[in-house]
Structures are given as structure tokens and as C-alpha cells.
PDB file of N, CA and C in Angstrom:
ATOM      1  N   MET A   1     -16.961   9.834   0.470  1.00  0.00           N
ATOM      2  CA  MET A   1     -16.596  10.381  -0.218  1.00  0.00           C
ATOM      3  C   MET A   1     -15.296   9.308  -0.824  1.00  0.00           C
ATOM      4  N   GLU A   2     -14.732   9.877  -2.274  1.00  0.00           N
ATOM      5  CA  GLU A   2     -13.912   8.833  -2.894  1.00  0.00           C
ATOM      6  C   GLU A   2     -13.037   9.034  -2.458  1.00  0.00           C
ATOM      7  N   LYS A   3     -12.065   7.754  -2.321  1.00  0.00           N
ATOM      8  CA  LYS A   3     -10.385   7.633  -2.448  1.00  0.00           C
ATOM      9  C   LYS A   3      -9.816   8.297  -3.307  1.00  0.00           C
ATOM     10  N   SER A   4      -8.281   8.932  -3.304  1.00  0.00           N
ATOM     11  CA  SER A   4      -7.468   8.979  -4.350  1.00  0.00           C
ATOM     12  C   SER A   4      -6.913   7.682  -4.730  1.00  0.00           C
ATOM     13  N   PHE A   5      -6.583   7.664  -5.824  1.00  0.00           N
ATOM     14  CA  PHE A   5      -6.077   6.466  -6.441  1.00  0.00           C
ATOM     15  C   PHE A   5      -4.581   5.826  -5.397  1.00  0.00           C
ATOM     16  N   GLU A   6      -4.213   7.148  -5.020  1.00  0.00           N
ATOM     17  CA  GLU A   6      -2.805   6.779  -4.543  1.00  0.00           C
ATOM     18  C   GLU A   6      -2.998   6.407  -3.010  1.00  0.00           C
ATOM     19  N   ASP A   7      -4.228   6.633  -2.273  1.00  0.00           N
ATOM     20  CA  ASP A   7      -4.444   6.196  -1.202  1.00  0.00           C
ATOM     21  C   ASP A   7      -5.118   4.528  -1.365  1.00  0.00           C
ATOM     22  N   ALA A   8      -5.941   4.355  -2.491  1.00  0.00           N
ATOM     23  CA  ALA A   8      -6.382   2.929  -2.717  1.00  0.00           C
ATOM     24  C   ALA A   8      -4.873   2.077  -2.992  1.00  0.00           C
ATOM     25  N   LEU A   9      -4.101   2.575  -3.790  1.00  0.00           N
ATOM     26  CA  LEU A   9      -2.944   1.846  -3.798  1.00  0.00           C
ATOM     27  C   LEU A   9      -2.191   1.404  -2.727  1.00  0.00           C
ATOM     28  N   LYS A  10      -1.935   2.547  -2.114  1.00  0.00           N
ATOM     29  CA  LYS A  10      -1.161   2.525  -0.714  1.00  0.00           C
ATOM     30  C   LYS A  10      -2.227   1.243   0.151  1.00  0.00           C
ATOM     31  N   GLU A  11      -3.139   1.437   0.070  1.00  0.00           N
ATOM     32  CA  GLU A  11      -4.282   0.277   0.599  1.00  0.00           C
ATOM     33  C   GLU A  11      -3.843  -0.645   0.366  1.00  0.00           C
ATOM     34  N   LEU A  12      -3.823  -1.303  -1.141  1.00  0.00           N
ATOM     35  CA  LEU A  12      -3.683  -2.588  -1.241  1.00  0.00           C
ATOM     36  C   LEU A  12      -1.946  -3.101  -1.128  1.00  0.00           C
ATOM     37  N   GLU A  13      -1.393  -2.188  -1.460  1.00  0.00           N
ATOM     38  CA  GLU A  13      -0.005  -2.448  -1.231  1.00  0.00           C
ATOM     39  C   GLU A  13       0.506  -3.145   0.754  1.00  0.00           C
ATOM     40  N   VAL A  14      -0.165  -2.880   1.124  1.00  0.00           N
ATOM     41  CA  VAL A  14      -0.553  -2.992   2.689  1.00  0.00           C
ATOM     42  C   VAL A  14      -1.088  -4.329   2.392  1.00  0.00           C
ATOM     43  N   ILE A  15      -2.043  -4.993   2.103  1.00  0.00           N
ATOM     44  CA  ILE A  15      -3.054  -5.821   2.235  1.00  0.00           C
ATOM     45  C   ILE A  15      -1.850  -6.850   1.656  1.00  0.00           C
ATOM     46  N   VAL A  16      -1.187  -6.736   0.958  1.00  0.00           N
ATOM     47  CA  VAL A  16      -0.852  -7.665  -0.320  1.00  0.00           C
ATOM     48  C   VAL A  16       0.830  -7.914   0.638  1.00  0.00           C
ATOM     49  N   LYS A  17       1.125  -7.545   1.116  1.00  0.00           N
ATOM     50  CA  LYS A  17       2.609  -7.346   2.377  1.00  0.00           C
ATOM     51  C   LYS A  17       2.010  -8.104   3.419  1.00  0.00           C
ATOM     52  N   GLU A  18       0.862  -8.072   4.097  1.00  0.00           N
ATOM     53  CA  GLU A  18       0.188  -9.350   5.074  1.00  0.00           C
ATOM     54  C   GLU A  18       0.109 -10.322   4.307  1.00  0.00           C
ATOM     55  N   LEU A  19      -0.624 -10.837   3.143  1.00  0.00           N
ATOM     56  CA  LEU A  19      -0.944 -11.302   2.723  1.00  0.00           C
ATOM     57  C   LEU A  19       0.405 -12.584   2.297  1.00  0.00           C
ATOM     58  N   GLU A  20       1.925 -11.852   2.123  1.00  0.00           N
ATOM     59  CA  GLU A  20       2.502 -12.400   1.520  1.00  0.00           C
ATOM     60  C   GLU A  20       3.317 -13.314   2.834  1.00  0.00           C
ATOM     61  N   SER A  21       3.067 -12.185   3.872  1.00  0.00           N
ATOM     62  CA  SER A  21       3.720 -12.324   5.136  1.00  0.00           C
ATOM     63  C   SER A  21       3.686 -14.051   5.453  1.00  0.00           C
ATOM     64  N   GLY A  22       2.570 -14.105   5.402  1.00  0.00           N
ATOM     65  CA  GLY A  22       1.744 -15.779   5.714  1.00  0.00           C
ATOM     66  C   GLY A  22       0.839 -16.043   6.952  1.00  0.00           C
ATOM     67  N   ASN A  23       1.285 -15.012   8.053  1.00  0.00           N
ATOM     68  CA  ASN A  23       0.882 -14.766   9.498  1.00  0.00           C
ATOM     69  C   ASN A  23      -0.232 -14.649   9.337  1.00  0.00           C
ATOM     70  N   VAL A  24      -1.411 -14.308   8.305  1.00  0.00           N
ATOM     71  CA  VAL A  24      -3.039 -14.177   8.198  1.00  0.00           C
ATOM     72  C   VAL A  24      -3.551 -15.447   8.506  1.00  0.00           C
ATOM     73  N   GLU A  25      -4.688 -15.670   9.370  1.00  0.00           N
ATOM     74  CA  GLU A  25      -5.568 -16.972   9.312  1.00  0.00           C
ATOM     75  C   GLU A  25      -6.444 -16.731   8.513  1.00  0.00           C
ATOM     76  N   LEU A  26      -7.006 -17.967   8.052  1.00  0.00           N
ATOM     77  CA  LEU A  26      -7.739 -17.944   6.611  1.00  0.00           C
ATOM     78  C   LEU A  26      -8.604 -17.161   6.390  1.00  0.00           C
ATOM     79  N   ASP A  27      -9.394 -17.531   7.217  1.00  0.00           N
ATOM     80  CA  ASP A  27     -11.189 -16.208   7.033  1.00  0.00           C
ATOM     81  C   ASP A  27     -10.483 -14.781   7.061  1.00  0.00           C
ATOM     82  N   SER A  28      -9.488 -14.120   7.942  1.00  0.00           N
ATOM     83  CA  SER A  28      -8.877 -12.749   7.482  1.00  0.00           C
ATOM     84  C   SER A  28      -8.347 -12.680   6.140  1.00  0.00           C
ATOM     85  N   ALA A  29      -7.806 -13.773   5.733  1.00  0.00           N
ATOM     86  CA  ALA A  29      -7.032 -13.620   4.555  1.00  0.00           C
ATOM     87  C   ALA A  29      -8.100 -13.486   3.285  1.00  0.00           C
ATOM     88  N   ILE A  30      -9.041 -14.635   3.243  1.00  0.00           N
ATOM     89  CA  ILE A  30     -10.090 -14.281   2.234  1.00  0.00           C
ATOM     90  C   ILE A  30     -10.582 -13.089   2.334  1.00  0.00           C
ATOM     91  N   ASP A  31     -10.593 -12.596   3.658  1.00  0.00           N
ATOM     92  CA  ASP A  31     -11.344 -10.912   3.825  1.00  0.00           C
ATOM     93  C   ASP A  31     -10.698  -9.965   2.855  1.00  0.00           C
ATOM     94  N   LYS A  32      -9.158 -10.016   3.212  1.00  0.00           N
ATOM     95  CA  LYS A  32      -8.225  -9.557   2.635  1.00  0.00           C
ATOM     96  C   LYS A  32      -8.039  -9.007   1.433  1.00  0.00           C
ATOM     97  N   TYR A  33      -7.975 -10.549   0.724  1.00  0.00           N
ATOM     98  CA  TYR A  33      -8.331 -11.222  -0.996  1.00  0.00           C
ATOM     99  C   TYR A  33      -9.104 -10.414  -1.601  1.00  0.00           C
ATOM    100  N   THR A  34     -10.411 -10.330  -0.829  1.00  0.00           N
ATOM    101  CA  THR A  34     -11.666  -9.928  -1.334  1.00  0.00           C
ATOM    102  C   THR A  34     -11.031  -8.395  -1.269  1.00  0.00           C
ATOM    103  N   GLU A  35     -10.978  -7.487  -0.120  1.00  0.00           N
ATOM    104  CA  GLU A  35     -10.654  -6.265  -1.088  1.00  0.00           C
ATOM    105  C   GLU A  35      -9.722  -5.687  -1.522  1.00  0.00           C
ATOM    106  N   ALA A  36      -8.369  -6.257  -1.478  1.00  0.00           N
ATOM    107  CA  ALA A  36      -7.540  -6.136  -2.607  1.00  0.00           C
ATOM    108  C   ALA A  36      -8.224  -6.353  -4.043  1.00  0.00           C
ATOM    109  N   MET A  37      -8.736  -7.150  -4.071  1.00  0.00           N
ATOM    110  CA  MET A  37      -9.356  -7.370  -5.422  1.00  0.00           C
ATOM    111  C   MET A  37     -10.396  -5.891  -5.804  1.00  0.00           C
ATOM    112  N   LYS A  38     -10.866  -5.949  -4.768  1.00  0.00           N
ATOM    113  CA  LYS A  38     -11.895  -4.062  -4.949  1.00  0.00           C
ATOM    114  C   LYS A  38     -10.390  -3.422  -4.905  1.00  0.00           C
ATOM    115  N   LEU A  39     -10.100  -2.810  -4.486  1.00  0.00           N
ATOM    116  CA  LEU A  39      -9.332  -1.868  -4.767  1.00  0.00           C
ATOM    117  C   LEU A  39      -8.353  -2.223  -6.023  1.00  0.00           C
ATOM    118  N   ALA A  40      -8.145  -3.269  -6.323  1.00  0.00           N
ATOM    119  CA  ALA A  40      -7.328  -3.119  -7.755  1.00  0.00           C
ATOM    120  C   ALA A  40      -8.043  -2.874  -9.115  1.00  0.00           C
ATOM    121  N   LYS A  41      -9.489  -3.346  -8.677  1.00  0.00           N
ATOM    122  CA  LYS A  41     -10.452  -2.678  -9.761  1.00  0.00           C
ATOM    123  C   LYS A  41     -10.706  -1.046  -9.819  1.00  0.00           C
ATOM    124  N   TYR A  42     -10.825  -0.683  -8.285  1.00  0.00           N
ATOM    125  CA  TYR A  42     -10.902   0.612  -8.206  1.00  0.00           C
ATOM    126  C   TYR A  42      -9.841   1.765  -8.964  1.00  0.00           C
ATOM    127  N   CYS A  43      -8.480   1.018  -8.811  1.00  0.00           N
ATOM    128  CA  CYS A  43      -7.273   1.723  -9.015  1.00  0.00           C
ATOM    129  C   CYS A  43      -7.152   1.522 -10.736  1.00  0.00           C
ATOM    130  N   SER A  44      -7.476   0.633 -11.265  1.00  0.00           N
ATOM    131  CA  SER A  44      -7.692   0.083 -12.752  1.00  0.00           C
ATOM    132  C   SER A  44      -9.001   1.056 -13.110  1.00  0.00           C
ATOM    133  N   GLU A  45      -9.818   1.042 -12.718  1.00  0.00           N
ATOM    134  CA  GLU A  45     -10.577   2.261 -13.082  1.00  0.00           C
ATOM    135  C   GLU A  45     -10.299   3.300 -13.196  1.00  0.00           C
ATOM    136  N   LYS A  46      -9.410   3.754 -12.295  1.00  0.00           N
ATOM    137  CA  LYS A  46      -9.355   5.399 -11.840  1.00  0.00           C
ATOM    138  C   LYS A  46      -7.536   5.371 -13.599  1.00  0.00           C
ATOM    139  N   LEU A  47      -7.719   4.572 -13.367  1.00  0.00           N
ATOM    140  CA  LEU A  47      -6.216   4.900 -14.495  1.00  0.00           C
ATOM    141  C   LEU A  47      -6.950   4.995 -16.425  1.00  0.00           C
ATOM    142  N   ASN A  48      -8.107   3.635 -16.206  1.00  0.00           N
ATOM    143  CA  ASN A  48      -8.170   3.975 -17.599  1.00  0.00           C
ATOM    144  C   ASN A  48      -9.260   5.671 -17.563  1.00  0.00           C
ATOM    145  N   SER A  49      -9.652   5.969 -16.326  1.00  0.00           N
ATOM    146  CA  SER A  49     -10.462   7.142 -16.566  1.00  0.00           C
ATOM    147  C   SER A  49      -9.488   8.061 -16.892  1.00  0.00           C
ATOM    148  N   ALA A  50      -8.275   8.125 -16.419  1.00  0.00           N
ATOM    149  CA  ALA A  50      -7.300   9.434 -16.199  1.00  0.00           C
ATOM    150  C   ALA A  50      -6.946   9.247 -17.999  1.00  0.00           C
ATOM    151  N   THR A  51      -6.843   8.033 -18.127  1.00  0.00           N
ATOM    152  CA  THR A  51      -5.621   7.741 -19.861  1.00  0.00           C
ATOM    153  C   THR A  51      -7.251   8.694 -20.861  1.00  0.00           C
ATOM    154  N   GLU A  52      -8.268   8.509 -20.802  1.00  0.00           N
ATOM    155  CA  GLU A  52      -9.715   8.816 -21.558  1.00  0.00           C
ATOM    156  C   GLU A  52      -9.607  10.231 -21.462  1.00  0.00           C
ATOM    157  N   LYS A  53      -9.349  10.708 -20.239  1.00  0.00           N
ATOM    158  CA  LYS A  53      -9.359  12.272 -20.040  1.00  0.00           C
ATOM    159  C   LYS A  53      -8.073  12.749 -20.512  1.00  0.00           C
ATOM    160  N   VAL A  54      -7.041  12.134 -20.759  1.00  0.00           N
ATOM    161  CA  VAL A  54      -5.746  12.435 -21.432  1.00  0.00           C
ATOM    162  C   VAL A  54      -6.161  12.538 -22.839  1.00  0.00           C
ATOM    163  N   ASN A  55      -6.552  10.981 -23.213  1.00  0.00           N
ATOM    164  CA  ASN A  55      -6.756  11.154 -24.712  1.00  0.00           C
ATOM    165  C   ASN A  55      -7.799  12.348 -25.195  1.00  0.00           C
ATOM    166  N   LYS A  56      -8.455  12.389 -24.644  1.00  0.00           N
ATOM    167  CA  LYS A  56      -9.831  13.465 -24.962  1.00  0.00           C
ATOM    168  C   LYS A  56      -8.916  14.769 -25.120  1.00  0.00           C
ATOM    169  N   ILE A  57      -8.177  15.268 -24.030  1.00  0.00           N
ATOM    170  CA  ILE A  57      -7.468  16.243 -24.054  1.00  0.00           C
ATOM    171  C   ILE A  57      -6.423  16.996 -25.421  1.00  0.00           C
ATOM    172  N   LEU A  58      -6.013  15.743 -25.698  1.00  0.00           N
ATOM    173  CA  LEU A  58      -4.559  15.515 -26.813  1.00  0.00           C
ATOM    174  C   LEU A  58      -5.498  15.626 -28.377  1.00  0.00           C
ATOM    175  N   THR A  59      -7.164  14.829 -28.282  1.00  0.00           N
ATOM    176  CA  THR A  59      -7.361  14.747 -29.278  1.00  0.00           C
ATOM    177  C   THR A  59      -8.357  16.533 -29.673  1.00  0.00           C
ATOM    178  N   GLU A  60      -8.740  16.934 -28.518  1.00  0.00           N
ATOM    179  CA  GLU A  60      -8.916  18.284 -28.863  1.00  0.00           C
ATOM    180  C   GLU A  60      -7.977  19.400 -29.467  1.00  0.00           C
ATOM    181  N   ASN A  61      -7.056  18.982 -28.353  1.00  0.00           N
ATOM    182  CA  ASN A  61      -5.332  20.068 -28.941  1.00  0.00           C
ATOM    183  C   ASN A  61      -4.826  20.088 -30.255  1.00  0.00           C
ATOM    184  N   LYS A  62      -5.876  18.675 -31.018  1.00  0.00           N
ATOM    185  CA  LYS A  62      -5.800  18.178 -32.465  1.00  0.00           C
ATOM    186  C   LYS A  62      -4.183  17.794 -32.628  1.00  0.00           C
ATOM    187  N   GLU A  63      -3.664  16.698 -31.368  1.00  0.00           N
ATOM    188  CA  GLU A  63      -2.683  16.320 -31.377  1.00  0.00           C
ATOM    189  C   GLU A  63      -3.098  14.441 -32.016  1.00  0.00           C
ATOM    190  N   LEU A  64      -2.176  14.368 -32.363  1.00  0.00           N
ATOM    191  CA  LEU A  64      -2.216  12.360 -33.329  1.00  0.00           C
ATOM    192  C   LEU A  64      -1.900  11.615 -32.385  1.00  0.00           C
ATOM    193  N   ALA A  65      -0.619  11.810 -31.453  1.00  0.00           N
ATOM    194  CA  ALA A  65      -0.219  10.752 -30.382  1.00  0.00           C
ATOM    195  C   ALA A  65      -1.371  10.479 -29.531  1.00  0.00           C
ATOM    196  N   GLN A  66      -1.281   8.940 -29.032  1.00  0.00           N
ATOM    197  CA  GLN A  66      -2.668   8.471 -28.274  1.00  0.00           C
ATOM    198  C   GLN A  66      -1.599   8.209 -27.234  1.00  0.00           C
ATOM    199  N   PHE A  67      -1.718   8.605 -25.490  1.00  0.00           N
ATOM    200  CA  PHE A  67      -1.470   8.117 -24.350  1.00  0.00           C
ATOM    201  C   PHE A  67      -1.531   7.397 -23.947  1.00  0.00           C
ATOM    202  N   LYS A  68      -0.793   6.646 -23.527  1.00  0.00           N
ATOM    203  CA  LYS A  68      -0.942   4.492 -23.160  1.00  0.00           C
ATOM    204  C   LYS A  68      -0.395   5.057 -21.739  1.00  0.00           C
ATOM    205  N   VAL A  69      -0.726   4.172 -20.722  1.00  0.00           N
ATOM    206  CA  VAL A  69      -0.476   3.895 -19.714  1.00  0.00           C
ATOM    207  C   VAL A  69       0.461   2.754 -19.870  1.00  0.00           C
ATOM    208  N   GLU A  70       1.581   2.565 -19.262  1.00  0.00           N
ATOM    209  CA  GLU A  70       2.525   1.378 -19.495  1.00  0.00           C
ATOM    210  C   GLU A  70       2.820   0.734 -17.741  1.00  0.00           C
ATOM    211  N   GLU A  71       2.199  -0.412 -18.152  1.00  0.00           N
ATOM    212  CA  GLU A  71       2.508  -1.269 -16.969  1.00  0.00           C
ATOM    213  C   GLU A  71       3.392  -1.739 -16.491  1.00  0.00           C
TER     214      GLU A  71
END
């Protein structure tokens, strides 16, 4: 089952807080960092996909404005 963008983002936030706390052993920190990078990539891909879908809808409706995700 694919997780939602919101669920992935929440998981990412939890990992970041754990890593920022400084109370994580090195091996665990490496594992958490690796998982965080996977989640960040997943979230980025979901946002890009959503942007493409919105742009396609705008194009089909003959709207000229491009939808951009503000970072």
C-alpha cells in the first residue's frame, strides 16, 4: 500500500526531530538519515506529480497560467 504525502511528511518530521535531539546512537542515526532521505524523495516526487496533474488540467481547460509549488 502506498502511503499518502501527509503520512510520509509526518514520518519525515518525526525523524528530523529525533536526529536534531542529538540523543540517537550513530548506527541508528545513519539508518534514520537514510529513511529520511527516502521519505524526502518520495514527498518531492508526489509534489512533482501533483504539479504535473494540475498543469495538465489547466492546459485542458485552456488556461495559460502555470501552477507552481512554492518552496
